[in-house]
């Protein structure tokens, strides 16, 4: 197993793929979803259609929203965050063309690992 620090020092080292983000815009991702599918992406945009909820089976907090920069991409996060409608944020996570999460289906969306506020 490759340690993340090793990948910082030697980014082209074999096995560093999981630690590399593909910087992209929502527009680029939606123009070519197959290219980004399964890759870790970093996308910045404005939050729209924020929806926070609790999972049905275990009551786990989660949220979905659209991240927009002219074109929108759906984002799913497995916890509630302090972001609000209209906030500008950066999202890091895995882009998936299709993912079933409980009863929800995520199509052409990002399963977020981290969300950072931007000014």
N, C-alpha and C. Protein backbone atom coordinates (compact mmCIF):
# COMPACT_ATOMS: atom_id res chain seq x y z
N UNK A 1 0.85 -1.18 0.00
CA UNK A 1 0.00 0.00 0.00
C UNK A 1 0.89 1.24 0.00
N UNK A 2 0.60 2.16 -0.86
CA UNK A 2 1.39 3.39 -1.00
C UNK A 2 0.85 4.44 -0.03
N UNK A 3 1.72 5.08 0.66
CA UNK A 3 1.33 6.14 1.59
C UNK A 3 1.15 7.45 0.83
N UNK A 4 0.20 8.27 1.24
CA UNK A 4 -0.10 9.54 0.57
C UNK A 4 1.12 10.45 0.52
N UNK A 5 1.94 10.44 1.56
CA UNK A 5 3.14 11.29 1.59
C UNK A 5 4.10 10.92 0.47
N UNK A 6 4.24 9.62 0.21
CA UNK A 6 5.10 9.16 -0.89
C UNK A 6 4.60 9.73 -2.21
N UNK A 7 3.30 9.79 -2.39
CA UNK A 7 2.73 10.31 -3.63
C UNK A 7 2.94 11.82 -3.75
N UNK A 8 3.03 12.51 -2.63
CA UNK A 8 3.34 13.94 -2.69
C UNK A 8 4.77 14.17 -3.19
N UNK A 9 5.68 13.31 -2.76
CA UNK A 9 7.07 13.43 -3.18
C UNK A 9 7.30 12.93 -4.60
N UNK A 10 6.62 11.85 -4.95
CA UNK A 10 6.80 11.21 -6.26
C UNK A 10 5.43 10.98 -6.90
N UNK A 11 4.79 12.03 -7.43
CA UNK A 11 3.41 11.91 -7.90
C UNK A 11 3.22 10.94 -9.06
N UNK A 12 4.24 10.62 -9.83
CA UNK A 12 4.09 9.69 -10.94
C UNK A 12 4.38 8.25 -10.55
N UNK A 13 4.65 8.03 -9.27
CA UNK A 13 4.93 6.70 -8.75
C UNK A 13 3.70 5.81 -8.95
N UNK A 14 3.90 4.59 -9.37
CA UNK A 14 2.78 3.67 -9.60
C UNK A 14 1.97 3.49 -8.31
N UNK A 15 0.67 3.52 -8.43
CA UNK A 15 -0.21 3.34 -7.28
C UNK A 15 -0.67 4.63 -6.64
N UNK A 16 -0.29 5.77 -7.18
CA UNK A 16 -0.67 7.06 -6.60
C UNK A 16 -2.01 7.58 -7.13
N UNK A 17 -2.63 6.87 -8.04
CA UNK A 17 -3.89 7.30 -8.64
C UNK A 17 -4.96 7.72 -7.65
N UNK A 18 -5.19 6.96 -6.56
CA UNK A 18 -6.24 7.35 -5.61
C UNK A 18 -6.00 8.67 -4.91
N UNK A 19 -4.76 9.18 -4.94
CA UNK A 19 -4.44 10.42 -4.24
C UNK A 19 -4.41 11.63 -5.18
N UNK A 20 -4.70 11.41 -6.44
CA UNK A 20 -4.63 12.50 -7.42
C UNK A 20 -6.03 12.97 -7.77
N UNK A 21 -6.30 14.26 -7.61
CA UNK A 21 -7.58 14.84 -7.99
C UNK A 21 -7.49 15.35 -9.42
N UNK A 22 -8.59 15.24 -10.14
CA UNK A 22 -8.69 15.83 -11.47
C UNK A 22 -9.41 17.17 -11.29
N UNK A 23 -8.71 18.30 -11.38
CA UNK A 23 -9.39 19.59 -11.26
C UNK A 23 -10.27 19.78 -12.49
N UNK A 24 -11.53 20.14 -12.28
CA UNK A 24 -12.46 20.27 -13.39
C UNK A 24 -13.57 21.23 -13.01
N UNK A 25 -14.32 21.64 -14.01
CA UNK A 25 -15.52 22.43 -13.77
C UNK A 25 -16.72 21.51 -13.97
N UNK A 26 -17.85 21.92 -13.45
CA UNK A 26 -19.08 21.14 -13.64
C UNK A 26 -19.37 21.00 -15.13
N UNK A 27 -19.12 22.06 -15.89
CA UNK A 27 -19.36 22.03 -17.34
C UNK A 27 -18.50 20.97 -18.03
N UNK A 28 -17.22 20.92 -17.67
CA UNK A 28 -16.31 19.92 -18.28
C UNK A 28 -16.76 18.51 -17.95
N UNK A 29 -17.14 18.29 -16.70
CA UNK A 29 -17.55 16.96 -16.27
C UNK A 29 -18.81 16.52 -17.00
N UNK A 30 -19.80 17.40 -17.11
CA UNK A 30 -21.05 17.03 -17.76
C UNK A 30 -20.90 16.89 -19.28
N UNK A 31 -19.89 17.55 -19.87
CA UNK A 31 -19.62 17.40 -21.30
C UNK A 31 -19.02 16.02 -21.61
N UNK A 32 -18.25 15.48 -20.66
CA UNK A 32 -17.58 14.21 -20.89
C UNK A 32 -17.57 13.35 -19.62
N UNK A 33 -18.75 12.89 -19.17
CA UNK A 33 -18.80 12.13 -17.91
C UNK A 33 -18.01 10.83 -17.92
N UNK A 34 -17.91 10.17 -19.06
CA UNK A 34 -17.19 8.90 -19.13
C UNK A 34 -15.71 9.09 -18.80
N UNK A 35 -15.13 10.22 -19.19
CA UNK A 35 -13.72 10.50 -18.92
C UNK A 35 -13.45 10.61 -17.42
N UNK A 36 -14.36 11.23 -16.68
CA UNK A 36 -14.16 11.46 -15.24
C UNK A 36 -14.70 10.33 -14.37
N UNK A 37 -15.48 9.43 -14.93
CA UNK A 37 -16.14 8.37 -14.16
C UNK A 37 -15.13 7.54 -13.37
N UNK A 38 -15.38 7.44 -12.06
CA UNK A 38 -14.53 6.66 -11.17
C UNK A 38 -13.29 7.39 -10.68
N UNK A 39 -13.07 8.62 -11.13
CA UNK A 39 -11.90 9.38 -10.72
C UNK A 39 -12.24 10.37 -9.61
N UNK A 40 -11.24 10.69 -8.83
CA UNK A 40 -11.37 11.71 -7.81
C UNK A 40 -11.28 13.08 -8.49
N UNK A 41 -12.26 13.94 -8.22
CA UNK A 41 -12.30 15.26 -8.86
C UNK A 41 -12.33 16.36 -7.81
N UNK A 42 -11.94 17.54 -8.22
CA UNK A 42 -12.04 18.74 -7.38
C UNK A 42 -12.78 19.79 -8.21
N UNK A 43 -13.97 20.20 -7.73
CA UNK A 43 -14.83 21.09 -8.49
C UNK A 43 -15.28 22.24 -7.60
N UNK A 44 -15.32 23.46 -8.15
CA UNK A 44 -15.77 24.64 -7.42
C UNK A 44 -17.01 25.21 -8.10
N UNK A 45 -17.97 25.65 -7.30
CA UNK A 45 -19.19 26.25 -7.84
C UNK A 45 -20.09 26.74 -6.73
N UNK A 46 -21.32 27.11 -7.09
CA UNK A 46 -22.31 27.59 -6.13
C UNK A 46 -23.31 26.49 -5.80
N UNK A 47 -23.75 26.46 -4.56
CA UNK A 47 -24.69 25.46 -4.06
C UNK A 47 -26.12 25.87 -4.43
N UNK A 48 -26.86 24.92 -5.02
CA UNK A 48 -28.27 25.12 -5.33
C UNK A 48 -29.04 23.85 -4.98
N UNK A 49 -30.31 23.99 -4.69
CA UNK A 49 -31.21 22.86 -4.40
C UNK A 49 -30.68 21.98 -3.27
N UNK A 50 -30.21 22.61 -2.18
CA UNK A 50 -29.68 21.89 -1.01
C UNK A 50 -30.80 21.09 -0.34
N UNK A 51 -30.52 19.84 -0.03
CA UNK A 51 -31.48 18.98 0.66
C UNK A 51 -30.76 18.15 1.70
N UNK A 52 -31.07 18.37 2.97
CA UNK A 52 -30.49 17.57 4.05
C UNK A 52 -31.55 16.58 4.53
N UNK A 53 -31.10 15.37 4.85
CA UNK A 53 -32.04 14.33 5.27
C UNK A 53 -31.33 13.32 6.15
N UNK A 54 -32.11 12.43 6.74
CA UNK A 54 -31.57 11.32 7.52
C UNK A 54 -31.84 10.03 6.76
N UNK A 55 -30.85 9.14 6.73
CA UNK A 55 -31.03 7.86 6.05
C UNK A 55 -32.15 7.05 6.68
N UNK A 56 -32.84 6.27 5.88
CA UNK A 56 -34.01 5.53 6.36
C UNK A 56 -33.63 4.41 7.33
N UNK A 57 -32.61 3.63 7.01
CA UNK A 57 -32.31 2.45 7.82
C UNK A 57 -31.65 2.78 9.15
N UNK A 58 -30.66 3.66 9.16
CA UNK A 58 -29.90 3.92 10.38
C UNK A 58 -30.02 5.36 10.86
N UNK A 59 -30.73 6.19 10.15
CA UNK A 59 -30.86 7.59 10.55
C UNK A 59 -29.59 8.39 10.38
N UNK A 60 -28.72 7.95 9.47
CA UNK A 60 -27.45 8.63 9.22
C UNK A 60 -27.69 9.94 8.48
N UNK A 61 -27.10 11.05 8.94
CA UNK A 61 -27.28 12.31 8.23
C UNK A 61 -26.60 12.29 6.86
N UNK A 62 -27.25 12.92 5.90
CA UNK A 62 -26.69 13.02 4.55
C UNK A 62 -27.29 14.25 3.89
N UNK A 63 -26.70 14.66 2.77
CA UNK A 63 -27.24 15.79 2.03
C UNK A 63 -26.91 15.65 0.55
N UNK A 64 -27.75 16.26 -0.27
CA UNK A 64 -27.49 16.36 -1.70
C UNK A 64 -27.69 17.82 -2.10
N UNK A 65 -26.98 18.22 -3.13
CA UNK A 65 -27.17 19.55 -3.69
C UNK A 65 -26.59 19.57 -5.09
N UNK A 66 -26.93 20.61 -5.81
CA UNK A 66 -26.35 20.84 -7.13
C UNK A 66 -25.20 21.82 -6.99
N UNK A 67 -24.08 21.53 -7.61
CA UNK A 67 -22.93 22.42 -7.63
C UNK A 67 -22.86 23.00 -9.04
N UNK A 68 -23.05 24.32 -9.15
CA UNK A 68 -23.23 24.94 -10.47
C UNK A 68 -22.19 26.00 -10.77
N UNK A 69 -21.80 26.03 -12.05
CA UNK A 69 -20.94 27.10 -12.58
C UNK A 69 -21.45 27.45 -13.98
N UNK A 70 -22.73 27.46 -14.15
CA UNK A 70 -23.38 27.58 -15.46
C UNK A 70 -24.06 26.26 -15.78
N UNK A 71 -23.34 25.17 -15.60
CA UNK A 71 -23.89 23.81 -15.67
C UNK A 71 -23.79 23.23 -14.27
N UNK A 72 -24.70 22.34 -13.94
CA UNK A 72 -24.73 21.80 -12.57
C UNK A 72 -24.37 20.31 -12.56
N UNK A 73 -23.74 19.90 -11.47
CA UNK A 73 -23.46 18.49 -11.21
C UNK A 73 -23.99 18.19 -9.81
N UNK A 74 -24.61 17.02 -9.65
CA UNK A 74 -25.18 16.64 -8.36
C UNK A 74 -24.08 16.18 -7.42
N UNK A 75 -24.22 16.53 -6.13
CA UNK A 75 -23.25 16.15 -5.10
C UNK A 75 -23.99 15.43 -3.98
N UNK A 76 -23.41 14.33 -3.48
CA UNK A 76 -23.93 13.61 -2.34
C UNK A 76 -22.86 13.59 -1.26
N UNK A 77 -23.25 13.93 -0.03
CA UNK A 77 -22.31 13.93 1.11
C UNK A 77 -22.94 13.12 2.23
N UNK A 78 -22.17 12.24 2.87
CA UNK A 78 -22.67 11.35 3.92
C UNK A 78 -22.70 12.00 5.30
N UNK A 79 -22.86 13.29 5.37
CA UNK A 79 -23.03 14.00 6.64
C UNK A 79 -23.62 15.36 6.35
N UNK A 80 -24.11 16.03 7.37
CA UNK A 80 -24.60 17.40 7.20
C UNK A 80 -23.41 18.35 7.34
N UNK A 81 -23.37 19.35 6.48
CA UNK A 81 -22.30 20.36 6.52
C UNK A 81 -22.94 21.72 6.78
N UNK A 82 -22.15 22.71 7.18
CA UNK A 82 -22.71 24.03 7.47
C UNK A 82 -22.95 24.89 6.24
N UNK A 83 -22.80 24.34 5.03
CA UNK A 83 -23.00 25.15 3.84
C UNK A 83 -24.49 25.42 3.62
N UNK A 84 -24.77 26.51 2.92
CA UNK A 84 -26.15 26.92 2.67
C UNK A 84 -26.35 27.22 1.19
N UNK A 85 -27.59 27.34 0.80
CA UNK A 85 -27.97 27.70 -0.56
C UNK A 85 -27.24 28.97 -1.00
N UNK A 86 -26.61 28.94 -2.18
CA UNK A 86 -25.92 30.10 -2.71
C UNK A 86 -24.46 30.23 -2.32
N UNK A 87 -23.99 29.42 -1.35
CA UNK A 87 -22.57 29.47 -0.95
C UNK A 87 -21.69 28.99 -2.10
N UNK A 88 -20.50 29.57 -2.20
CA UNK A 88 -19.49 29.13 -3.15
C UNK A 88 -18.57 28.15 -2.42
N UNK A 89 -18.46 26.92 -2.94
CA UNK A 89 -17.68 25.87 -2.28
C UNK A 89 -16.85 25.10 -3.30
N UNK A 90 -15.84 24.41 -2.79
CA UNK A 90 -15.08 23.44 -3.57
C UNK A 90 -15.38 22.06 -3.00
N UNK A 91 -15.59 21.11 -3.88
CA UNK A 91 -15.92 19.74 -3.49
C UNK A 91 -14.84 18.81 -4.01
N UNK A 92 -14.36 17.93 -3.14
CA UNK A 92 -13.44 16.86 -3.54
C UNK A 92 -14.16 15.55 -3.31
N UNK A 93 -14.14 14.70 -4.32
CA UNK A 93 -14.80 13.41 -4.18
C UNK A 93 -14.71 12.62 -5.46
N UNK A 94 -15.38 11.48 -5.48
CA UNK A 94 -15.34 10.58 -6.63
C UNK A 94 -16.54 10.84 -7.52
N UNK A 95 -16.27 11.07 -8.81
CA UNK A 95 -17.35 11.25 -9.78
C UNK A 95 -17.81 9.89 -10.26
N UNK A 96 -19.13 9.68 -10.24
CA UNK A 96 -19.70 8.39 -10.64
C UNK A 96 -20.84 8.62 -11.63
N UNK A 97 -20.86 7.83 -12.70
CA UNK A 97 -21.95 7.97 -13.66
C UNK A 97 -23.23 7.33 -13.12
N UNK A 98 -23.10 6.31 -12.28
CA UNK A 98 -24.28 5.67 -11.68
C UNK A 98 -23.88 5.05 -10.35
N UNK A 99 -24.63 5.39 -9.30
CA UNK A 99 -24.36 4.82 -7.97
C UNK A 99 -25.68 4.74 -7.21
N UNK A 100 -25.98 3.58 -6.64
CA UNK A 100 -27.17 3.41 -5.80
C UNK A 100 -26.74 3.54 -4.35
N UNK A 101 -27.35 4.49 -3.65
CA UNK A 101 -27.05 4.73 -2.24
C UNK A 101 -28.36 4.58 -1.50
N UNK A 102 -28.56 3.42 -0.90
CA UNK A 102 -29.86 3.14 -0.29
C UNK A 102 -30.92 3.15 -1.37
N UNK A 103 -31.98 3.94 -1.17
CA UNK A 103 -33.04 4.06 -2.18
C UNK A 103 -32.76 5.14 -3.21
N UNK A 104 -31.72 5.92 -2.97
CA UNK A 104 -31.39 7.02 -3.87
C UNK A 104 -30.46 6.54 -5.00
N UNK A 105 -30.67 7.08 -6.19
CA UNK A 105 -29.79 6.80 -7.31
C UNK A 105 -29.07 8.09 -7.68
N UNK A 106 -27.75 8.02 -7.68
CA UNK A 106 -26.92 9.17 -8.05
C UNK A 106 -26.44 8.95 -9.48
N UNK A 107 -26.91 9.81 -10.39
CA UNK A 107 -26.51 9.73 -11.80
C UNK A 107 -25.65 10.93 -12.13
N UNK A 108 -24.48 10.66 -12.71
CA UNK A 108 -23.55 11.73 -13.07
C UNK A 108 -23.36 12.70 -11.90
N UNK A 109 -22.91 12.16 -10.79
CA UNK A 109 -22.74 12.96 -9.58
C UNK A 109 -21.44 12.67 -8.87
N UNK A 110 -21.18 13.50 -7.87
CA UNK A 110 -19.96 13.38 -7.07
C UNK A 110 -20.33 12.88 -5.68
N UNK A 111 -19.71 11.80 -5.26
CA UNK A 111 -19.84 11.35 -3.87
C UNK A 111 -18.71 12.06 -3.12
N UNK A 112 -19.07 13.12 -2.39
CA UNK A 112 -18.09 14.02 -1.79
C UNK A 112 -17.41 13.39 -0.58
N UNK A 113 -16.11 13.64 -0.50
CA UNK A 113 -15.34 13.28 0.68
C UNK A 113 -15.09 14.50 1.54
N UNK A 114 -14.91 15.66 0.86
CA UNK A 114 -14.64 16.92 1.57
C UNK A 114 -15.32 18.06 0.83
N UNK A 115 -15.78 19.04 1.62
CA UNK A 115 -16.37 20.26 1.06
C UNK A 115 -15.71 21.44 1.77
N UNK A 116 -15.17 22.38 0.97
CA UNK A 116 -14.48 23.53 1.50
C UNK A 116 -15.19 24.81 1.08
N UNK A 117 -15.45 25.73 2.02
CA UNK A 117 -16.05 27.03 1.62
C UNK A 117 -15.04 27.87 0.86
N UNK A 118 -15.54 28.63 -0.11
CA UNK A 118 -14.72 29.58 -0.89
C UNK A 118 -15.36 30.94 -0.78
N UNK A 119 -14.55 31.98 -0.95
CA UNK A 119 -15.13 33.33 -0.88
C UNK A 119 -15.36 33.88 -2.27
